[in-house]
Each structure stands twice: as structure tokens, then as C-alpha cells.
Amino acid sequence: MRHNKKFNHLGRKTAHRKAMLSNMANSLIFSKRITTTVAKAKALKMYVEPLITKAKNDTTHSRRIVFSVLKSKTAVAELFRDVADKVGERPGGYTRILKTGNRLGDNAEMCVIELVDYNENLLSAKEDKPKKRRSRRGGAKKSSEDTAATQPKKKEVAEPKAEAVVEEPKAEEVKEKAAAEEVKEPAKEEPKADDEEKKTE
């Protein structure tokens, strides 16, 4: 019976499973990200995160414990020298699993497991992105957005009116000139009428 035994055996015997996880942990420490199945990635996460926590305390004892698991001097040196410096401030959660879809042959669920502090793209995206606060009351935000949206429209409407006001005096000036010419013309005609009367006399 296997009551309350939740450990994933990954279809392997103990020696095979330990060797595989040790090899995957070495690859993760050297490459900073590897592609594998989701089940193996979850098992590796439980396997490698306690080792990274041990690497924060750089003593001979902790180095020997990590070496007994990884079986590689270069991996231990990399872990204690580079990785421990990067994750020194982080209180756990050193790895991230990103699912990438299913494998073509056997339809196994695949993913990428990576060390969180080494993904420069996501870190730069988080720094550039401003934090947004959500509140239950959206009225204040909506009203400010509405006023911002209506202000440019008012400006656009105001500009043609200003142009129309500029054009109207021109039309009035033209009418005044035409009226002035009409006034001048009858004055010229009156003397002509007087001349005609003189001629008739």
C-alpha cells in the first residue's frame, strides 16, 4: 500500500531517478534554463531549490552536502560562486516553470524550467512596466478619462469657430464696400441729370 505517499517516482527506480535529477540539476546550474516535461520539472524544482538555499551559506559543510547530491565539483563551484550571489536577496522561489505545449511524439506536456534571476528579458520588462493599482471604485478613473477624451474634441470644435469668426469680418467689409460704391454711384448720376436738364432748357 502507498497511502499518503505523494512523491512522484517518474517511472524509475531510486538509483535511476536520483542520477537523472542530479544530472538535470547540473544542467540547470550551468545553462540557467532547460527544456523538459512538466512532471520532471516539478520534481527538479523540489530537488534543486534546497541546494540553492544551502549555497547561500558558503561553508565547507554546506559545500560537502551539495557535492554529495550533485557529484560535480564544477557545478558546486558555479552554484556557490555565481548563482548564490544572484539569488542572495531572494527568500526562496529560485526557479520558474513556463509551459510550452505538448511534445509531438507522445503528447507529453513540455515546459522550460529556468533560474528566475537569470531571465533578463522578464526582469527588464518588469522594470519598465509601471505598477497599476486596481480599486473597486472605477468612477474617478473613468471621469478623468472622459474629461481627457472630451477636451481634445472641444479644442477641435473651437478652432473652426475661430476661423469662421475671422472670415465673417471680411464678408462684412465686402458688403460695406459694395454699399459705399452704391452710395457713390447715385451721387455721380445726379449731376448727369442736372446736365440733361440744362441741355433741355
Protein backbone atom coordinates (compact mmCIF):
# COMPACT_ATOMS: atom_id res chain seq x y z
CA MET A 1 0.00 0.00 0.00
CA ARG A 2 1.16 3.54 -0.74
CA HIS A 3 -1.14 5.59 1.46
CA ASN A 4 -0.17 9.28 1.72
CA LYS A 5 2.96 8.84 -0.40
CA LYS A 6 2.79 11.76 -2.81
CA PHE A 7 6.35 11.61 -4.17
CA ASN A 8 6.49 11.25 -7.97
CA HIS A 9 8.66 8.25 -8.88
CA LEU A 10 8.75 9.30 -12.56
CA GLY A 11 8.54 5.64 -13.67
CA ARG A 12 12.09 4.90 -12.45
CA LYS A 13 13.83 3.05 -9.65
CA THR A 14 15.51 5.06 -6.89
CA ALA A 15 19.08 4.98 -8.25
CA HIS A 16 17.98 5.89 -11.78
CA ARG A 17 15.76 8.71 -10.51
CA LYS A 18 18.49 10.22 -8.30
CA ALA A 19 21.04 10.08 -11.09
CA MET A 20 18.63 11.71 -13.53
CA LEU A 21 17.70 14.55 -11.14
CA SER A 22 21.35 15.15 -10.27
CA ASN A 23 22.20 15.38 -13.97
CA MET A 24 19.28 17.76 -14.63
CA ALA A 25 20.29 19.92 -11.65
CA ASN A 26 23.84 20.20 -13.07
CA SER A 27 22.44 21.19 -16.45
CA LEU A 28 20.18 23.81 -14.86
CA ILE A 29 23.07 25.31 -12.88
CA PHE A 30 25.33 25.52 -15.95
CA SER A 31 22.75 26.53 -18.59
CA LYS A 32 20.36 28.52 -16.33
CA ARG A 33 17.36 27.10 -18.29
CA ILE A 34 16.49 23.68 -19.68
CA THR A 35 13.56 22.17 -21.59
CA THR A 36 11.89 19.09 -20.11
CA THR A 37 8.49 17.61 -19.26
CA VAL A 38 6.32 19.28 -16.62
CA ALA A 39 6.46 16.24 -14.28
CA LYS A 40 10.27 16.16 -14.35
CA ALA A 41 10.45 19.94 -13.94
CA LYS A 42 8.27 19.83 -10.82
CA ALA A 43 10.44 17.04 -9.37
CA LEU A 44 13.59 19.02 -10.25
CA LYS A 45 12.20 22.15 -8.59
CA MET A 46 11.78 20.27 -5.30
CA TYR A 47 15.28 18.81 -5.76
CA VAL A 48 17.34 21.89 -6.67
CA GLU A 49 15.80 24.70 -4.60
CA PRO A 50 17.04 23.34 -1.22
CA LEU A 51 20.53 23.12 -2.78
CA ILE A 52 20.39 26.79 -3.80
CA THR A 53 19.30 27.70 -0.26
CA LYS A 54 22.31 25.76 1.09
CA ALA A 55 24.57 27.67 -1.33
CA LYS A 56 23.68 30.97 0.36
CA ASN A 57 25.68 29.87 3.42
CA ASP A 58 29.16 29.29 2.00
CA THR A 59 30.78 26.88 4.46
CA THR A 60 32.72 23.68 3.98
CA HIS A 61 29.86 21.69 5.48
CA SER A 62 27.25 23.07 3.08
CA ARG A 63 29.61 22.58 0.11
CA ARG A 64 30.07 18.91 1.07
CA ILE A 65 26.32 18.35 1.39
CA VAL A 66 25.68 19.90 -2.04
CA PHE A 67 28.56 17.92 -3.56
CA SER A 68 27.11 14.67 -2.18
CA VAL A 69 23.97 15.40 -4.21
CA LEU A 70 25.37 16.95 -7.44
CA LYS A 71 28.55 14.80 -7.70
CA SER A 72 30.31 17.57 -9.67
CA LYS A 73 32.97 19.96 -8.37
CA THR A 74 32.46 22.45 -11.21
CA ALA A 75 28.68 22.56 -10.60
CA VAL A 76 29.27 23.16 -6.88
CA ALA A 77 31.77 25.94 -7.64
CA GLU A 78 29.34 27.59 -10.10
CA LEU A 79 26.46 27.29 -7.63
CA PHE A 80 28.34 28.81 -4.68
CA ARG A 81 30.18 31.48 -6.70
CA ASP A 82 27.71 32.87 -9.29
CA VAL A 83 24.21 31.60 -8.53
CA ALA A 84 24.37 32.26 -4.79
CA ASP A 85 25.40 35.90 -5.42
CA LYS A 86 22.47 36.46 -7.80
CA VAL A 87 19.82 34.94 -5.52
CA GLY A 88 21.24 36.21 -2.22
CA GLU A 89 18.33 38.58 -1.57
CA ARG A 90 15.56 36.22 -2.74
CA PRO A 91 13.81 34.24 0.06
CA GLY A 92 13.03 31.11 -1.98
CA GLY A 93 11.31 30.58 -5.32
CA TYR A 94 14.54 30.45 -7.32
CA THR A 95 13.10 28.62 -10.33
CA ARG A 96 10.26 29.29 -12.75
CA ILE A 97 8.33 26.79 -14.92
CA LEU A 98 6.98 28.10 -18.26
CA LYS A 99 4.76 25.66 -20.15
CA THR A 100 5.47 25.40 -23.88
CA GLY A 101 2.79 22.99 -25.17
CA ASN A 102 2.76 19.27 -25.89
CA ARG A 103 5.51 17.12 -27.41
CA LEU A 104 4.84 15.86 -30.91
CA GLY A 105 5.69 12.17 -30.41
CA ASP A 106 3.91 11.17 -27.21
CA ASN A 107 1.89 14.34 -26.47
CA ALA A 108 3.73 14.87 -23.16
CA GLU A 109 3.26 18.31 -21.61
CA MET A 110 6.53 20.21 -22.10
CA CYS A 111 7.97 23.22 -20.32
CA VAL A 112 11.07 25.33 -19.74
CA ILE A 113 12.45 25.47 -16.20
CA GLU A 114 14.81 28.36 -15.52
CA LEU A 115 16.52 30.25 -12.72
CA VAL A 116 14.41 33.34 -12.05
CA ASP A 117 17.22 35.89 -11.66
CA TYR A 118 18.88 34.99 -14.98
CA ASN A 119 15.97 35.75 -17.33
CA GLU A 120 17.00 39.27 -18.42
CA ASN A 121 14.01 39.80 -20.74
CA LEU A 122 11.41 39.32 -18.00
CA LEU A 123 13.43 41.35 -15.49
CA SER A 124 13.74 44.32 -17.90
CA ALA A 125 10.02 44.08 -18.77
CA LYS A 126 9.11 44.25 -15.07
CA GLU A 127 11.34 47.29 -14.51
CA ASP A 128 9.89 49.19 -17.49
CA LYS A 129 6.28 48.38 -16.71
CA PRO A 130 4.66 50.80 -14.24
CA LYS A 131 2.63 49.30 -11.43
CA LYS A 132 -1.12 49.58 -11.81
CA ARG A 133 -3.44 49.85 -8.83
CA ARG A 134 -6.90 48.45 -9.11
CA SER A 135 -9.70 49.68 -6.93
CA ARG A 136 -13.34 48.81 -6.64
CA ARG A 137 -14.37 52.33 -7.43
CA GLY A 138 -13.63 52.96 -11.08
CA GLY A 139 -15.65 56.19 -11.20
CA ALA A 140 -12.75 58.54 -10.51
CA LYS A 141 -10.61 56.99 -13.24
CA LYS A 142 -13.47 56.93 -15.73
CA SER A 143 -14.38 60.56 -15.11
CA SER A 144 -10.78 61.68 -15.62
CA GLU A 145 -10.55 59.59 -18.80
CA ASP A 146 -13.84 61.03 -20.05
CA THR A 147 -12.70 64.59 -19.45
CA ALA A 148 -9.38 63.84 -21.12
CA ALA A 149 -11.23 62.33 -24.08
CA THR A 150 -13.64 65.28 -24.40
CA GLN A 151 -11.04 68.06 -24.07
CA PRO A 152 -9.34 67.47 -27.45
CA LYS A 153 -12.79 67.38 -29.10
CA LYS A 154 -13.64 70.79 -27.65
CA LYS A 155 -10.38 72.20 -28.96
CA GLU A 156 -11.07 70.81 -32.41
CA VAL A 157 -14.56 72.36 -32.41
CA ALA A 158 -13.23 75.70 -31.14
CA GLU A 159 -10.65 76.06 -33.92
CA PRO A 160 -13.14 76.07 -36.84
CA LYS A 161 -15.30 78.59 -34.98
CA ALA A 162 -12.31 80.89 -34.63
CA GLU A 163 -11.67 80.59 -38.37
CA ALA A 164 -15.34 81.38 -39.09
CA VAL A 165 -15.13 84.47 -36.89
CA VAL A 166 -12.06 85.61 -38.82
CA GLU A 167 -13.86 85.11 -42.15
CA GLU A 168 -17.06 86.99 -41.15
CA PRO A 169 -15.45 90.47 -40.88
CA LYS A 170 -14.12 90.01 -44.39
CA ALA A 171 -17.64 89.42 -45.70
CA GLU A 172 -18.87 92.49 -43.80
CA GLU A 173 -16.07 94.59 -45.26
CA VAL A 174 -17.05 93.42 -48.73
CA LYS A 175 -20.70 94.40 -48.05
CA GLU A 176 -19.63 97.80 -46.70
CA LYS A 177 -17.52 98.47 -49.77
CA ALA A 178 -20.39 97.45 -52.02
CA ALA A 179 -22.74 99.77 -50.10
CA ALA A 180 -20.22 102.62 -50.32
CA GLU A 181 -19.93 102.14 -54.07
CA GLU A 182 -23.73 102.19 -54.40
CA VAL A 183 -23.84 105.42 -52.44
CA LYS A 184 -21.16 106.96 -54.68
CA GLU A 185 -22.88 105.94 -57.94
CA PRO A 186 -26.15 107.87 -57.31
CA ALA A 187 -24.09 110.94 -56.46
CA LYS A 188 -22.45 110.72 -59.87
CA GLU A 189 -25.79 110.19 -61.59
CA GLU A 190 -27.39 113.34 -60.08
CA PRO A 191 -25.00 115.72 -61.77
CA LYS A 192 -25.66 113.94 -65.05
CA ALA A 193 -29.37 114.53 -64.58
CA ASP A 194 -28.70 118.21 -63.94
CA ASP A 195 -26.66 118.38 -67.14
CA GLU A 196 -29.51 116.85 -69.08
CA GLU A 197 -31.95 119.39 -67.62
CA LYS A 198 -29.64 122.22 -68.65
CA LYS A 199 -29.44 120.83 -72.15
CA THR A 200 -33.20 120.68 -72.44
CA GLU A 201 -33.56 124.27 -71.29
